[in-house]
Amino acid sequence: VPADANGDIAACLATDVGEALARLSIESAETLKLAHSREFD
């Protein structure tokens, strides 16, 4: 373990991210609230 590995990790499932990307690909801009933000962490 690097002694300076002090950052937090928000690990997630690849299946969940795949589902999120599918929604980003097909949903309307209004549904996705793209006018509010186009960046999805």
PDB file of all heavy atoms in Angstrom:
ATOM      1  N   VAL A   1       0.859  -1.181   0.000  1.00  0.00           N
ATOM      2  CA  VAL A   1       0.000   0.000   0.000  1.00  0.00           C
ATOM      3  C   VAL A   1       0.899   1.236   0.000  1.00  0.00           C
ATOM      4  O   VAL A   1       1.672   1.430   0.946  1.00  0.00           O
ATOM      5  CB  VAL A   1      -0.920   0.036   1.236  1.00  0.00           C
ATOM      6  CG1 VAL A   1      -1.765   1.308   1.230  1.00  0.00           C
ATOM      7  CG2 VAL A   1      -1.811  -1.190   1.289  1.00  0.00           C
ATOM      8  N   PRO A   2       0.861   2.069  -1.033  1.00  0.00           N
ATOM      9  CA  PRO A   2       1.655   3.301  -1.006  1.00  0.00           C
ATOM     10  C   PRO A   2       1.286   4.152   0.204  1.00  0.00           C
ATOM     11  O   PRO A   2       0.101   4.363   0.493  1.00  0.00           O
ATOM     12  CB  PRO A   2       1.274   4.001  -2.315  1.00  0.00           C
ATOM     13  CG  PRO A   2       0.781   2.901  -3.211  1.00  0.00           C
ATOM     14  CD  PRO A   2       0.125   1.913  -2.302  1.00  0.00           C
ATOM     15  N   ALA A   3       2.295   4.636   0.914  1.00  0.00           N
ATOM     16  CA  ALA A   3       2.041   5.405   2.138  1.00  0.00           C
ATOM     17  C   ALA A   3       1.282   6.691   1.859  1.00  0.00           C
ATOM     18  O   ALA A   3       0.622   7.238   2.753  1.00  0.00           O
ATOM     19  CB  ALA A   3       3.363   5.708   2.834  1.00  0.00           C
ATOM     20  N   ASP A   4       1.370   7.198   0.626  1.00  0.00           N
ATOM     21  CA  ASP A   4       0.680   8.445   0.287  1.00  0.00           C
ATOM     22  C   ASP A   4      -0.626   8.194  -0.469  1.00  0.00           C
ATOM     23  O   ASP A   4      -1.176   9.118  -1.084  1.00  0.00           O
ATOM     24  CB  ASP A   4       1.591   9.362  -0.526  1.00  0.00           C
ATOM     25  CG  ASP A   4       2.169   8.689  -1.759  1.00  0.00           C
ATOM     26  OD1 ASP A   4       1.915   7.494  -1.962  1.00  0.00           O
ATOM     27  OD2 ASP A   4       2.899   9.366  -2.520  1.00  0.00           O
ATOM     28  N   ALA A   5      -1.147   6.965  -0.428  1.00  0.00           N
ATOM     29  CA  ALA A   5      -2.432   6.665  -1.071  1.00  0.00           C
ATOM     30  C   ALA A   5      -3.563   7.100  -0.146  1.00  0.00           C
ATOM     31  O   ALA A   5      -4.260   6.277   0.463  1.00  0.00           O
ATOM     32  CB  ALA A   5      -2.531   5.175  -1.392  1.00  0.00           C
ATOM     33  N   ASN A   6      -3.730   8.426  -0.042  1.00  0.00           N
ATOM     34  CA  ASN A   6      -4.665   9.003   0.921  1.00  0.00           C
ATOM     35  C   ASN A   6      -5.988   9.445   0.303  1.00  0.00           C
ATOM     36  O   ASN A   6      -6.814  10.052   0.977  1.00  0.00           O
ATOM     37  CB  ASN A   6      -4.010  10.202   1.611  1.00  0.00           C
ATOM     38  CG  ASN A   6      -2.790   9.796   2.414  1.00  0.00           C
ATOM     39  OD1 ASN A   6      -2.802   8.777   3.098  1.00  0.00           O
ATOM     40  ND2 ASN A   6      -1.723  10.587   2.324  1.00  0.00           N
ATOM     41  N   GLY A   7      -6.177   9.164  -0.972  1.00  0.00           N
ATOM     42  CA  GLY A   7      -7.408   9.584  -1.622  1.00  0.00           C
ATOM     43  C   GLY A   7      -8.538   8.590  -1.426  1.00  0.00           C
ATOM     44  O   GLY A   7      -8.315   7.395  -1.258  1.00  0.00           O
ATOM     45  N   ASP A   8      -9.766   9.093  -1.433  1.00  0.00           N
ATOM     46  CA  ASP A   8     -10.946   8.235  -1.368  1.00  0.00           C
ATOM     47  C   ASP A   8     -11.324   7.753  -2.759  1.00  0.00           C
ATOM     48  O   ASP A   8     -11.116   8.455  -3.761  1.00  0.00           O
ATOM     49  CB  ASP A   8     -12.130   8.991  -0.763  1.00  0.00           C
ATOM     50  CG  ASP A   8     -11.976   9.200   0.733  1.00  0.00           C
ATOM     51  OD1 ASP A   8     -11.240   8.415   1.369  1.00  0.00           O
ATOM     52  OD2 ASP A   8     -12.585  10.144   1.269  1.00  0.00           O
ATOM     53  N   ILE A   9     -11.878   6.562  -2.815  1.00  0.00           N
ATOM     54  CA  ILE A   9     -12.316   5.947  -4.065  1.00  0.00           C
ATOM     55  C   ILE A   9     -13.810   5.672  -3.969  1.00  0.00           C
ATOM     56  O   ILE A   9     -14.275   5.075  -2.995  1.00  0.00           O
ATOM     57  CB  ILE A   9     -11.572   4.623  -4.316  1.00  0.00           C
ATOM     58  CG1 ILE A   9     -10.063   4.837  -4.378  1.00  0.00           C
ATOM     59  CG2 ILE A   9     -12.069   3.956  -5.602  1.00  0.00           C
ATOM     60  CD1 ILE A   9      -9.264   3.550  -4.315  1.00  0.00           C
ATOM     61  N   ALA A  10     -14.566   6.096  -4.966  1.00  0.00           N
ATOM     62  CA  ALA A  10     -16.016   5.843  -5.004  1.00  0.00           C
ATOM     63  C   ALA A  10     -16.293   4.702  -5.977  1.00  0.00           C
ATOM     64  O   ALA A  10     -16.944   4.886  -7.014  1.00  0.00           O
ATOM     65  CB  ALA A  10     -16.770   7.108  -5.404  1.00  0.00           C
ATOM     66  N   ALA A  11     -15.783   3.528  -5.667  1.00  0.00           N
ATOM     67  CA  ALA A  11     -15.894   2.391  -6.580  1.00  0.00           C
ATOM     68  C   ALA A  11     -17.352   2.070  -6.886  1.00  0.00           C
ATOM     69  O   ALA A  11     -18.227   2.183  -6.030  1.00  0.00           O
ATOM     70  CB  ALA A  11     -15.201   1.172  -5.971  1.00  0.00           C
ATOM     71  N   CYS A  12     -17.603   1.674  -8.143  1.00  0.00           N
ATOM     72  CA  CYS A  12     -18.967   1.348  -8.554  1.00  0.00           C
ATOM     73  C   CYS A  12     -18.938   0.179  -9.526  1.00  0.00           C
ATOM     74  O   CYS A  12     -17.879  -0.239 -10.004  1.00  0.00           O
ATOM     75  CB  CYS A  12     -19.664   2.561  -9.168  1.00  0.00           C
ATOM     76  SG  CYS A  12     -18.757   3.353 -10.514  1.00  0.00           S
ATOM     77  N   LEU A  13     -20.105  -0.349  -9.812  1.00  0.00           N
ATOM     78  CA  LEU A  13     -20.231  -1.521 -10.666  1.00  0.00           C
ATOM     79  C   LEU A  13     -20.264  -1.114 -12.136  1.00  0.00           C
ATOM     80  O   LEU A  13     -20.962  -0.162 -12.519  1.00  0.00           O
ATOM     81  CB  LEU A  13     -21.508  -2.286 -10.330  1.00  0.00           C
ATOM     82  CG  LEU A  13     -21.605  -2.848  -8.911  1.00  0.00           C
ATOM     83  CD1 LEU A  13     -22.986  -3.458  -8.680  1.00  0.00           C
ATOM     84  CD2 LEU A  13     -20.521  -3.890  -8.667  1.00  0.00           C
ATOM     85  N   ALA A  14     -19.545  -1.853 -12.973  1.00  0.00           N
ATOM     86  CA  ALA A  14     -19.530  -1.564 -14.404  1.00  0.00           C
ATOM     87  C   ALA A  14     -20.917  -1.730 -15.020  1.00  0.00           C
ATOM     88  O   ALA A  14     -21.265  -1.016 -15.966  1.00  0.00           O
ATOM     89  CB  ALA A  14     -18.532  -2.477 -15.100  1.00  0.00           C
ATOM     90  N   THR A  15     -21.716  -2.645 -14.482  1.00  0.00           N
ATOM     91  CA  THR A  15     -23.076  -2.811 -15.005  1.00  0.00           C
ATOM     92  C   THR A  15     -23.910  -1.557 -14.765  1.00  0.00           C
ATOM     93  O   THR A  15     -24.708  -1.154 -15.629  1.00  0.00           O
ATOM     94  CB  THR A  15     -23.753  -4.019 -14.344  1.00  0.00           C
ATOM     95  OG1 THR A  15     -23.594  -3.932 -12.915  1.00  0.00           O
ATOM     96  CG2 THR A  15     -23.151  -5.319 -14.834  1.00  0.00           C
ATOM     97  N   ASP A  16     -23.736  -0.914 -13.602  1.00  0.00           N
ATOM     98  CA  ASP A  16     -24.464   0.325 -13.321  1.00  0.00           C
ATOM     99  C   ASP A  16     -24.033   1.442 -14.255  1.00  0.00           C
ATOM    100  O   ASP A  16     -24.867   2.215 -14.760  1.00  0.00           O
ATOM    101  CB  ASP A  16     -24.250   0.748 -11.867  1.00  0.00           C
ATOM    102  CG  ASP A  16     -25.089  -0.051 -10.881  1.00  0.00           C
ATOM    103  OD1 ASP A  16     -25.996  -0.787 -11.331  1.00  0.00           O
ATOM    104  OD2 ASP A  16     -24.835   0.044  -9.665  1.00  0.00           O
ATOM    105  N   VAL A  17     -22.737   1.553 -14.485  1.00  0.00           N
ATOM    106  CA  VAL A  17     -22.236   2.597 -15.385  1.00  0.00           C
ATOM    107  C   VAL A  17     -22.703   2.337 -16.814  1.00  0.00           C
ATOM    108  O   VAL A  17     -23.077   3.269 -17.537  1.00  0.00           O
ATOM    109  CB  VAL A  17     -20.703   2.690 -15.305  1.00  0.00           C
ATOM    110  CG1 VAL A  17     -20.147   3.577 -16.416  1.00  0.00           C
ATOM    111  CG2 VAL A  17     -20.285   3.239 -13.940  1.00  0.00           C
ATOM    112  N   GLY A  18     -22.729   1.077 -17.230  1.00  0.00           N
ATOM    113  CA  GLY A  18     -23.255   0.763 -18.557  1.00  0.00           C
ATOM    114  C   GLY A  18     -24.704   1.185 -18.705  1.00  0.00           C
ATOM    115  O   GLY A  18     -25.109   1.741 -19.735  1.00  0.00           O
ATOM    116  N   GLU A  19     -25.504   0.966 -17.665  1.00  0.00           N
ATOM    117  CA  GLU A  19     -26.912   1.383 -17.688  1.00  0.00           C
ATOM    118  C   GLU A  19     -27.031   2.903 -17.755  1.00  0.00           C
ATOM    119  O   GLU A  19     -27.870   3.442 -18.483  1.00  0.00           O
ATOM    120  CB  GLU A  19     -27.609   0.846 -16.444  1.00  0.00           C
ATOM    121  CG  GLU A  19     -29.102   1.089 -16.395  1.00  0.00           C
ATOM    122  CD  GLU A  19     -29.752   0.497 -15.163  1.00  0.00           C
ATOM    123  OE1 GLU A  19     -29.202  -0.478 -14.604  1.00  0.00           O
ATOM    124  OE2 GLU A  19     -30.806   1.030 -14.740  1.00  0.00           O
ATOM    125  N   ALA A  20     -26.170   3.612 -17.000  1.00  0.00           N
ATOM    126  CA  ALA A  20     -26.195   5.075 -17.020  1.00  0.00           C
ATOM    127  C   ALA A  20     -25.813   5.606 -18.398  1.00  0.00           C
ATOM    128  O   ALA A  20     -26.431   6.563 -18.904  1.00  0.00           O
ATOM    129  CB  ALA A  20     -25.250   5.615 -15.959  1.00  0.00           C
ATOM    130  N   LEU A  21     -24.819   5.009 -19.029  1.00  0.00           N
ATOM    131  CA  LEU A  21     -24.402   5.448 -20.366  1.00  0.00           C
ATOM    132  C   LEU A  21     -25.499   5.198 -21.392  1.00  0.00           C
ATOM    133  O   LEU A  21     -25.684   5.997 -22.324  1.00  0.00           O
ATOM    134  CB  LEU A  21     -23.124   4.726 -20.777  1.00  0.00           C
ATOM    135  CG  LEU A  21     -21.872   5.086 -19.980  1.00  0.00           C
ATOM    136  CD1 LEU A  21     -20.704   4.195 -20.384  1.00  0.00           C
ATOM    137  CD2 LEU A  21     -21.499   6.553 -20.167  1.00  0.00           C
ATOM    138  N   ALA A  22     -26.219   4.102 -21.230  1.00  0.00           N
ATOM    139  CA  ALA A  22     -27.339   3.831 -22.140  1.00  0.00           C
ATOM    140  C   ALA A  22     -28.390   4.923 -22.039  1.00  0.00           C
ATOM    141  O   ALA A  22     -28.921   5.398 -23.055  1.00  0.00           O
ATOM    142  CB  ALA A  22     -27.942   2.460 -21.821  1.00  0.00           C
ATOM    143  N   ARG A  23     -28.698   5.356 -20.824  1.00  0.00           N
ATOM    144  CA  ARG A  23     -29.675   6.428 -20.643  1.00  0.00           C
ATOM    145  C   ARG A  23     -29.173   7.734 -21.254  1.00  0.00           C
ATOM    146  O   ARG A  23     -29.933   8.467 -21.891  1.00  0.00           O
ATOM    147  CB  ARG A  23     -29.972   6.633 -19.160  1.00  0.00           C
ATOM    148  CG  ARG A  23     -30.920   5.609 -18.566  1.00  0.00           C
ATOM    149  CD  ARG A  23     -31.676   6.214 -17.403  1.00  0.00           C
ATOM    150  NE  ARG A  23     -32.483   7.355 -17.807  1.00  0.00           N
ATOM    151  CZ  ARG A  23     -32.919   8.307 -16.975  1.00  0.00           C
ATOM    152  NH1 ARG A  23     -32.611   8.238 -15.686  1.00  0.00           N
ATOM    153  NH2 ARG A  23     -33.656   9.302 -17.397  1.00  0.00           N
ATOM    154  N   LEU A  24     -27.901   8.035 -21.039  1.00  0.00           N
ATOM    155  CA  LEU A  24     -27.341   9.252 -21.619  1.00  0.00           C
ATOM    156  C   LEU A  24     -27.428   9.227 -23.144  1.00  0.00           C
ATOM    157  O   LEU A  24     -27.542  10.276 -23.780  1.00  0.00           O
ATOM    158  CB  LEU A  24     -25.883   9.429 -21.196  1.00  0.00           C
ATOM    159  CG  LEU A  24     -25.636   9.904 -19.768  1.00  0.00           C
ATOM    160  CD1 LEU A  24     -24.150   9.849 -19.438  1.00  0.00           C
ATOM    161  CD2 LEU A  24     -26.153  11.332 -19.579  1.00  0.00           C
ATOM    162  N   SER A  25     -27.386   8.044 -23.716  1.00  0.00           N
ATOM    163  CA  SER A  25     -27.377   7.914 -25.172  1.00  0.00           C
ATOM    164  C   SER A  25     -28.765   8.078 -25.791  1.00  0.00           C
ATOM    165  O   SER A  25     -28.870   8.521 -26.947  1.00  0.00           O
ATOM    166  CB  SER A  25     -26.813   6.551 -25.574  1.00  0.00           C
ATOM    167  OG  SER A  25     -25.487   6.391 -25.118  1.00  0.00           O
ATOM    168  N   ILE A  26     -29.811   7.734 -25.063  1.00  0.00           N
ATOM    169  CA  ILE A  26     -31.123   7.683 -25.713  1.00  0.00           C
ATOM    170  C   ILE A  26     -32.160   8.624 -25.120  1.00  0.00           C
ATOM    171  O   ILE A  26     -33.158   8.920 -25.772  1.00  0.00           O
ATOM    172  CB  ILE A  26     -31.690   6.249 -25.701  1.00  0.00           C
ATOM    173  CG1 ILE A  26     -32.061   5.821 -24.284  1.00  0.00           C
ATOM    174  CG2 ILE A  26     -30.721   5.263 -26.330  1.00  0.00           C
ATOM    175  CD1 ILE A  26     -32.863   4.532 -24.235  1.00  0.00           C
ATOM    176  N   GLU A  27     -31.948   9.104 -23.889  1.00  0.00           N
ATOM    177  CA  GLU A  27     -32.965   9.951 -23.268  1.00  0.00           C
ATOM    178  C   GLU A  27     -32.935  11.358 -23.849  1.00  0.00           C
ATOM    179  O   GLU A  27     -31.907  11.841 -24.325  1.00  0.00           O
ATOM    180  CB  GLU A  27     -32.756  10.014 -21.758  1.00  0.00           C
ATOM    181  CG  GLU A  27     -32.974   8.692 -21.038  1.00  0.00           C
ATOM    182  CD  GLU A  27     -34.445   8.355 -20.893  1.00  0.00           C
ATOM    183  OE1 GLU A  27     -35.288   9.161 -21.291  1.00  0.00           O
ATOM    184  OE2 GLU A  27     -34.741   7.262 -20.363  1.00  0.00           O
ATOM    185  N   SER A  28     -34.061  12.043 -23.740  1.00  0.00           N
ATOM    186  CA  SER A  28     -34.146  13.420 -24.239  1.00  0.00           C
ATOM    187  C   SER A  28     -33.320  14.353 -23.364  1.00  0.00           C
ATOM    188  O   SER A  28     -33.036  14.063 -22.196  1.00  0.00           O
ATOM    189  CB  SER A  28     -35.602  13.898 -24.242  1.00  0.00           C
ATOM    190  OG  SER A  28     -36.075  14.048 -22.911  1.00  0.00           O
ATOM    191  N   ALA A  29     -32.928  15.483 -23.947  1.00  0.00           N
ATOM    192  CA  ALA A  29     -32.149  16.468 -23.199  1.00  0.00           C
ATOM    193  C   ALA A  29     -32.921  16.975 -21.992  1.00  0.00           C
ATOM    194  O   ALA A  29     -32.335  17.250 -20.941  1.00  0.00           O
ATOM    195  CB  ALA A  29     -31.763  17.631 -24.119  1.00  0.00           C
ATOM    196  N   GLU A  30     -34.235  17.097 -22.130  1.00  0.00           N
ATOM    197  CA  GLU A  30     -35.048  17.579 -21.023  1.00  0.00           C
ATOM    198  C   GLU A  30     -35.050  16.574 -19.868  1.00  0.00           C
ATOM    199  O   GLU A  30     -34.915  16.946 -18.703  1.00  0.00           O
ATOM    200  CB  GLU A  30     -36.484  17.839 -21.489  1.00  0.00           C
ATOM    201  CG  GLU A  30     -36.623  18.998 -22.470  1.00  0.00           C
ATOM    202  CD  GLU A  30     -36.192  18.655 -23.879  1.00  0.00           C
ATOM    203  OE1 GLU A  30     -36.007  17.455 -24.173  1.00  0.00           O
ATOM    204  OE2 GLU A  30     -36.020  19.580 -24.683  1.00  0.00           O
ATOM    205  N   THR A  31     -35.196  15.303 -20.198  1.00  0.00           N
ATOM    206  CA  THR A  31     -35.205  14.271 -19.167  1.00  0.00           C
ATOM    207  C   THR A  31     -33.868  14.222 -18.439  1.00  0.00           C
ATOM    208  O   THR A  31     -33.805  14.056 -17.213  1.00  0.00           O
ATOM    209  CB  THR A  31     -35.503  12.901 -19.784  1.00  0.00           C
ATOM    210  OG1 THR A  31     -36.772  12.957 -20.437  1.00  0.00           O
ATOM    211  CG2 THR A  31     -35.518  11.818 -18.726  1.00  0.00           C
ATOM    212  N   LEU A  32     -32.794  14.379 -19.193  1.00  0.00           N
ATOM    213  CA  LEU A  32     -31.456  14.311 -18.604  1.00  0.00           C
ATOM    214  C   LEU A  32     -31.028  15.621 -17.944  1.00  0.00           C
ATOM    215  O   LEU A  32     -29.970  15.683 -17.326  1.00  0.00           O
ATOM    216  CB  LEU A  32     -30.428  13.954 -19.683  1.00  0.00           C
ATOM    217  CG  LEU A  32     -30.556  12.560 -20.278  1.00  0.00           C
ATOM    218  CD1 LEU A  32     -29.662  12.424 -21.507  1.00  0.00           C
ATOM    219  CD2 LEU A  32     -30.215  11.499 -19.255  1.00  0.00           C
ATOM    220  N   LYS A  33     -31.840  16.660 -18.095  1.00  0.00           N
ATOM    221  CA  LYS A  33     -31.532  17.972 -17.523  1.00  0.00           C
ATOM    222  C   LYS A  33     -30.190  18.493 -18.029  1.00  0.00           C
ATOM    223  O   LYS A  33     -29.383  19.037 -17.272  1.00  0.00           O
ATOM    224  CB  LYS A  33     -31.522  17.902 -15.987  1.00  0.00           C
ATOM    225  CG  LYS A  33     -32.828  17.401 -15.381  1.00  0.00           C
ATOM    226  CD  LYS A  33     -32.731  17.255 -13.873  1.00  0.00           C
ATOM    227  CE  LYS A  33     -34.011  16.682 -13.300  1.00  0.00           C
ATOM    228  NZ  LYS A  33     -33.929  16.441 -11.843  1.00  0.00           N
ATOM    229  N   LEU A  34     -29.974  18.344 -19.345  1.00  0.00           N
ATOM    230  CA  LEU A  34     -28.704  18.786 -19.916  1.00  0.00           C
ATOM    231  C   LEU A  34     -28.559  20.301 -19.865  1.00  0.00           C
ATOM    232  O   LEU A  34     -27.439  20.814 -19.871  1.00  0.00           O
ATOM    233  CB  LEU A  34     -28.581  18.296 -21.364  1.00  0.00           C
ATOM    234  CG  LEU A  34     -28.399  16.788 -21.545  1.00  0.00           C
ATOM    235  CD1 LEU A  34     -28.221  16.436 -23.010  1.00  0.00           C
ATOM    236  CD2 LEU A  34     -27.222  16.274 -20.744  1.00  0.00           C
ATOM    237  N   ALA A  35     -29.684  21.003 -19.815  1.00  0.00           N
ATOM    238  CA  ALA A  35     -29.584  22.461 -19.698  1.00  0.00           C
ATOM    239  C   ALA A  35     -28.951  22.848 -18.363  1.00  0.00           C
ATOM    240  O   ALA A  35     -28.315  23.889 -18.237  1.00  0.00           O
ATOM    241  CB  ALA A  35     -30.962  23.093 -19.835  1.00  0.00           C
ATOM    242  N   HIS A  36     -29.134  21.975 -17.363  1.00  0.00           N
ATOM    243  CA  HIS A  36     -28.562  22.237 -16.047  1.00  0.00           C
ATOM    244  C   HIS A  36     -27.082  21.890 -16.011  1.00  0.00           C
ATOM    245  O   HIS A  36     -26.249  22.668 -15.546  1.00  0.00           O
ATOM    246  CB  HIS A  36     -29.314  21.433 -14.987  1.00  0.00           C
ATOM    247  CG  HIS A  36     -28.713  21.504 -13.626  1.00  0.00           C
ATOM    248  ND1 HIS A  36     -28.659  22.676 -12.904  1.00  0.00           N
ATOM    249  CD2 HIS A  36     -28.114  20.557 -12.855  1.00  0.00           C
ATOM    250  CE1 HIS A  36     -28.063  22.450 -11.749  1.00  0.00           C
ATOM    251  NE2 HIS A  36     -27.719  21.175 -11.694  1.00  0.00           N
ATOM    252  N   SER A  37     -26.729  20.712 -16.502  1.00  0.00           N
ATOM    253  CA  SER A  37     -25.328  20.294 -16.524  1.00  0.00           C
ATOM    254  C   SER A  37     -25.158  19.152 -17.509  1.00  0.00           C
ATOM    255  O   SER A  37     -25.960  18.216 -17.541  1.00  0.00           O
ATOM    256  CB  SER A  37     -24.862  19.849 -15.143  1.00  0.00           C
ATOM    257  OG  SER A  37     -23.556  19.307 -15.211  1.00  0.00           O
ATOM    258  N   ARG A  38     -24.116  19.240 -18.298  1.00  0.00           N
ATOM    259  CA  ARG A  38     -23.797  18.184 -19.262  1.00  0.00           C
ATOM    260  C   ARG A  38     -22.699  17.267 -18.755  1.00  0.00           C
ATOM    261  O   ARG A  38     -22.218  16.414 -19.487  1.00  0.00           O
ATOM    262  CB  ARG A  38     -23.395  18.811 -20.606  1.00  0.00           C
ATOM    263  CG  ARG A  38     -24.537  19.541 -21.276  1.00  0.00           C
ATOM    264  CD  ARG A  38     -24.126  20.178 -22.599  1.00  0.00           C
ATOM    265  NE  ARG A  38     -25.283  20.764 -23.246  1.00  0.00           N
ATOM    266  CZ  ARG A  38     -26.098  20.106 -24.073  1.00  0.00           C
ATOM    267  NH1 ARG A  38     -25.854  18.843 -24.368  1.00  0.00           N
ATOM    268  NH2 ARG A  38     -27.138  20.694 -24.611  1.00  0.00           N
ATOM    269  N   GLU A  39     -22.283  17.449 -17.524  1.00  0.00           N
ATOM    270  CA  GLU A  39     -21.204  16.659 -16.948  1.00  0.00           C
ATOM    271  C   GLU A  39     -21.773  15.736 -15.870  1.00  0.00           C
ATOM    272  O   GLU A  39     -22.464  16.189 -14.958  1.00  0.00           O
ATOM    273  CB  GLU A  39     -20.125  17.570 -16.372  1.00  0.00           C
ATOM    274  CG  GLU A  39     -19.537  18.510 -17.426  1.00  0.00           C
ATOM    275  CD  GLU A  39     -18.601  19.536 -16.834  1.00  0.00           C
ATOM    276  OE1 GLU A  39     -18.074  19.302 -15.732  1.00  0.00           O
ATOM    277  OE2 GLU A  39     -18.387  20.577 -17.475  1.00  0.00           O
ATOM    278  N   PHE A  40     -21.469  14.448 -15.985  1.00  0.00           N
ATOM    279  CA  PHE A  40     -22.056  13.437 -15.119  1.00  0.00           C
ATOM    280  C   PHE A  40     -20.950  12.661 -14.404  1.00  0.00           C
ATOM    281  O   PHE A  40     -20.333  11.767 -14.992  1.00  0.00           O
ATOM    282  CB  PHE A  40     -22.931  12.480 -15.938  1.00  0.00           C
ATOM    283  CG  PHE A  40     -24.173  13.120 -16.506  1.00  0.00           C
ATOM    284  CD1 PHE A  40     -24.105  13.928 -17.632  1.00  0.00           C
ATOM    285  CD2 PHE A  40     -25.404  12.929 -15.902  1.00  0.00           C
ATOM    286  CE1 PHE A  40     -25.244  14.521 -18.156  1.00  0.00           C
ATOM    287  CE2 PHE A  40     -26.551  13.522 -16.415  1.00  0.00           C
ATOM    288  CZ  PHE A  40     -26.466  14.329 -17.538  1.00  0.00           C
ATOM    289  N   ASP A  41     -20.680  13.050 -13.163  1.00  0.00           N
ATOM    290  CA  ASP A  41     -19.764  12.281 -12.325  1.00  0.00           C
ATOM    291  C   ASP A  41     -20.506  11.043 -11.819  1.00  0.00           C
ATOM    292  O   ASP A  41     -21.630  11.144 -11.299  1.00  0.00           O
ATOM    293  CB  ASP A  41     -19.285  13.109 -11.138  1.00  0.00           C
ATOM    294  CG  ASP A  41     -18.318  14.203 -11.539  1.00  0.00           C
ATOM    295  OD1 ASP A  41     -18.061  14.364 -12.750  1.00  0.00           O
ATOM    296  OD2 ASP A  41     -17.820  14.907 -10.637  1.00  0.00           O
TER     297      ASP A  41
END
